[in-house]
């Protein structure tokens, strides 16, 4: 008889995986299901990291949402409404360069 000891990675939903990478991939795919039906106390526990597994689920879901919106072109940098136009510096007169004295 031979005794073996193995490392098994267990996901949030209780599924076992042989590697950490496979477990994390499964948790990324199913992170939204961990957020369904939460109470206010559970959300507060995740926000303050009292429940680190739930906090990680929120982060994974937020990352996936942002990545999807960036891929769709919905998250682009917007110009400030009262800021300078592109190519204009603040406090520089037209025709002058920054850090260059006149007469040189």
C-alpha atoms as a PDB file:
ATOM      1  CA  UNK A   1       0.000   0.000   0.000  1.00  0.00           C
ATOM      2  CA  UNK A   2       1.178   3.478  -0.861  1.00  0.00           C
ATOM      3  CA  UNK A   3      -0.066   6.742   0.698  1.00  0.00           C
ATOM      4  CA  UNK A   4      -0.041   9.924  -1.387  1.00  0.00           C
ATOM      5  CA  UNK A   5      -0.682  13.484  -0.439  1.00  0.00           C
ATOM      6  CA  UNK A   6      -1.900  15.813  -3.197  1.00  0.00           C
ATOM      7  CA  UNK A   7      -2.598  19.496  -3.415  1.00  0.00           C
ATOM      8  CA  UNK A   8      -6.042  20.358  -4.692  1.00  0.00           C
ATOM      9  CA  UNK A   9      -7.263  23.886  -5.336  1.00  0.00           C
ATOM     10  CA  UNK A  10     -10.880  24.505  -4.363  1.00  0.00           C
ATOM     11  CA  UNK A  11     -12.854  27.268  -6.086  1.00  0.00           C
ATOM     12  CA  UNK A  12     -15.456  29.482  -4.398  1.00  0.00           C
ATOM     13  CA  UNK A  13     -18.256  27.228  -5.565  1.00  0.00           C
ATOM     14  CA  UNK A  14     -16.607  24.081  -4.146  1.00  0.00           C
ATOM     15  CA  UNK A  15     -15.205  22.586  -7.358  1.00  0.00           C
ATOM     16  CA  UNK A  16     -11.749  21.003  -7.136  1.00  0.00           C
ATOM     17  CA  UNK A  17      -8.956  21.738  -9.625  1.00  0.00           C
ATOM     18  CA  UNK A  18      -5.497  20.179 -10.013  1.00  0.00           C
ATOM     19  CA  UNK A  19      -3.743  23.507 -10.668  1.00  0.00           C
ATOM     20  CA  UNK A  20      -4.012  27.029  -9.330  1.00  0.00           C
ATOM     21  CA  UNK A  21      -4.245  28.435 -12.865  1.00  0.00           C
ATOM     22  CA  UNK A  22      -7.284  26.301 -13.712  1.00  0.00           C
ATOM     23  CA  UNK A  23      -8.944  27.229 -10.437  1.00  0.00           C
ATOM     24  CA  UNK A  24      -8.388  30.968 -11.031  1.00  0.00           C
ATOM     25  CA  UNK A  25      -9.657  30.685 -14.605  1.00  0.00           C
ATOM     26  CA  UNK A  26     -12.842  29.014 -13.351  1.00  0.00           C
ATOM     27  CA  UNK A  27     -13.312  31.689 -10.671  1.00  0.00           C
ATOM     28  CA  UNK A  28     -12.884  34.450 -13.280  1.00  0.00           C
ATOM     29  CA  UNK A  29     -15.521  32.840 -15.494  1.00  0.00           C
ATOM     30  CA  UNK A  30     -18.007  32.415 -12.655  1.00  0.00           C
ATOM     31  CA  UNK A  31     -17.285  35.506 -10.527  1.00  0.00           C
ATOM     32  CA  UNK A  32     -20.631  37.111 -11.420  1.00  0.00           C
ATOM     33  CA  UNK A  33     -22.586  34.260  -9.846  1.00  0.00           C
ATOM     34  CA  UNK A  34     -20.917  34.980  -6.489  1.00  0.00           C
ATOM     35  CA  UNK A  35     -22.408  38.497  -6.539  1.00  0.00           C
ATOM     36  CA  UNK A  36     -26.045  37.463  -7.014  1.00  0.00           C
ATOM     37  CA  UNK A  37     -28.352  37.827  -4.008  1.00  0.00           C
ATOM     38  CA  UNK A  38     -25.878  39.428  -1.608  1.00  0.00           C
ATOM     39  CA  UNK A  39     -27.057  41.182   1.522  1.00  0.00           C
ATOM     40  CA  UNK A  40     -25.903  44.648   2.521  1.00  0.00           C
ATOM     41  CA  UNK A  41     -23.737  43.121   5.255  1.00  0.00           C
ATOM     42  CA  UNK A  42     -22.005  40.832   2.757  1.00  0.00           C
ATOM     43  CA  UNK A  43     -21.296  43.724   0.406  1.00  0.00           C
ATOM     44  CA  UNK A  44     -19.851  45.738   3.303  1.00  0.00           C
ATOM     45  CA  UNK A  45     -17.700  42.757   4.329  1.00  0.00           C
ATOM     46  CA  UNK A  46     -16.323  42.565   0.781  1.00  0.00           C
ATOM     47  CA  UNK A  47     -15.738  46.323   0.655  1.00  0.00           C
ATOM     48  CA  UNK A  48     -13.699  46.265   3.867  1.00  0.00           C
ATOM     49  CA  UNK A  49     -11.941  42.993   2.939  1.00  0.00           C
ATOM     50  CA  UNK A  50     -13.471  41.197   5.939  1.00  0.00           C
ATOM     51  CA  UNK A  51     -14.476  38.570   3.340  1.00  0.00           C
ATOM     52  CA  UNK A  52     -11.447  38.412   0.995  1.00  0.00           C
ATOM     53  CA  UNK A  53     -12.953  35.778  -1.330  1.00  0.00           C
ATOM     54  CA  UNK A  54     -16.022  37.917  -2.005  1.00  0.00           C
ATOM     55  CA  UNK A  55     -13.847  41.030  -2.376  1.00  0.00           C
ATOM     56  CA  UNK A  56     -11.791  39.218  -5.020  1.00  0.00           C
ATOM     57  CA  UNK A  57     -14.998  38.236  -6.825  1.00  0.00           C
ATOM     58  CA  UNK A  58     -15.987  41.922  -6.997  1.00  0.00           C
ATOM     59  CA  UNK A  59     -12.540  42.843  -8.334  1.00  0.00           C
ATOM     60  CA  UNK A  60     -12.587  40.080 -10.957  1.00  0.00           C
ATOM     61  CA  UNK A  61     -16.063  41.073 -12.098  1.00  0.00           C
ATOM     62  CA  UNK A  62     -15.098  44.770 -12.288  1.00  0.00           C
ATOM     63  CA  UNK A  63     -11.937  43.956 -14.236  1.00  0.00           C
ATOM     64  CA  UNK A  64     -13.882  41.804 -16.692  1.00  0.00           C
ATOM     65  CA  UNK A  65     -16.529  44.497 -17.129  1.00  0.00           C
ATOM     66  CA  UNK A  66     -13.915  47.193 -17.776  1.00  0.00           C
ATOM     67  CA  UNK A  67     -12.040  44.980 -20.235  1.00  0.00           C
ATOM     68  CA  UNK A  68     -15.261  44.263 -22.158  1.00  0.00           C
ATOM     69  CA  UNK A  69     -16.170  47.965 -22.317  1.00  0.00           C
ATOM     70  CA  UNK A  70     -12.668  48.902 -23.479  1.00  0.00           C
ATOM     71  CA  UNK A  71     -12.868  46.251 -26.179  1.00  0.00           C
ATOM     72  CA  UNK A  72     -16.174  47.689 -27.350  1.00  0.00           C
ATOM     73  CA  UNK A  73     -14.686  51.197 -27.462  1.00  0.00           C
ATOM     74  CA  UNK A  74     -16.938  52.550 -24.715  1.00  0.00           C
ATOM     75  CA  UNK A  75     -14.140  53.536 -22.333  1.00  0.00           C
ATOM     76  CA  UNK A  76     -12.027  56.140 -24.028  1.00  0.00           C
ATOM     77  CA  UNK A  77     -10.352  59.160 -22.518  1.00  0.00           C
ATOM     78  CA  UNK A  78     -12.486  62.228 -22.850  1.00  0.00           C
ATOM     79  CA  UNK A  79     -11.231  65.765 -23.100  1.00  0.00           C
ATOM     80  CA  UNK A  80     -11.993  67.958 -20.119  1.00  0.00           C
ATOM     81  CA  UNK A  81     -14.843  70.314 -21.035  1.00  0.00           C
ATOM     82  CA  UNK A  82     -12.985  73.472 -19.938  1.00  0.00           C
ATOM     83  CA  UNK A  83      -9.454  72.312 -20.642  1.00  0.00           C
ATOM     84  CA  UNK A  84      -7.081  73.343 -23.417  1.00  0.00           C
ATOM     85  CA  UNK A  85      -7.512  72.036 -26.930  1.00  0.00           C
ATOM     86  CA  UNK A  86      -5.130  69.275 -27.972  1.00  0.00           C
ATOM     87  CA  UNK A  87      -1.685  70.655 -28.747  1.00  0.00           C
ATOM     88  CA  UNK A  88      -2.107  73.764 -26.625  1.00  0.00           C
ATOM     89  CA  UNK A  89      -0.147  74.243 -23.417  1.00  0.00           C
ATOM     90  CA  UNK A  90      -1.400  76.262 -20.483  1.00  0.00           C
ATOM     91  CA  UNK A  91       0.289  79.649 -19.987  1.00  0.00           C
ATOM     92  CA  UNK A  92       2.257  79.669 -23.234  1.00  0.00           C
ATOM     93  CA  UNK A  93       1.848  82.458 -25.742  1.00  0.00           C
ATOM     94  CA  UNK A  94       1.546  81.559 -29.360  1.00  0.00           C
ATOM     95  CA  UNK A  95       4.947  81.184 -31.017  1.00  0.00           C
ATOM     96  CA  UNK A  96       6.930  80.823 -27.779  1.00  0.00           C
ATOM     97  CA  UNK A  97       8.637  77.666 -26.646  1.00  0.00           C
ATOM     98  CA  UNK A  98       8.841  76.617 -23.020  1.00  0.00           C
ATOM     99  CA  UNK A  99      12.244  77.081 -21.376  1.00  0.00           C
ATOM    100  CA  UNK A 100      13.774  79.088 -24.247  1.00  0.00           C
ATOM    101  CA  UNK A 101      14.859  82.669 -23.616  1.00  0.00           C
ATOM    102  CA  UNK A 102      14.344  85.365 -26.222  1.00  0.00           C
ATOM    103  CA  UNK A 103      17.367  86.278 -28.321  1.00  0.00           C
ATOM    104  CA  UNK A 104      18.904  82.838 -28.481  1.00  0.00           C
END
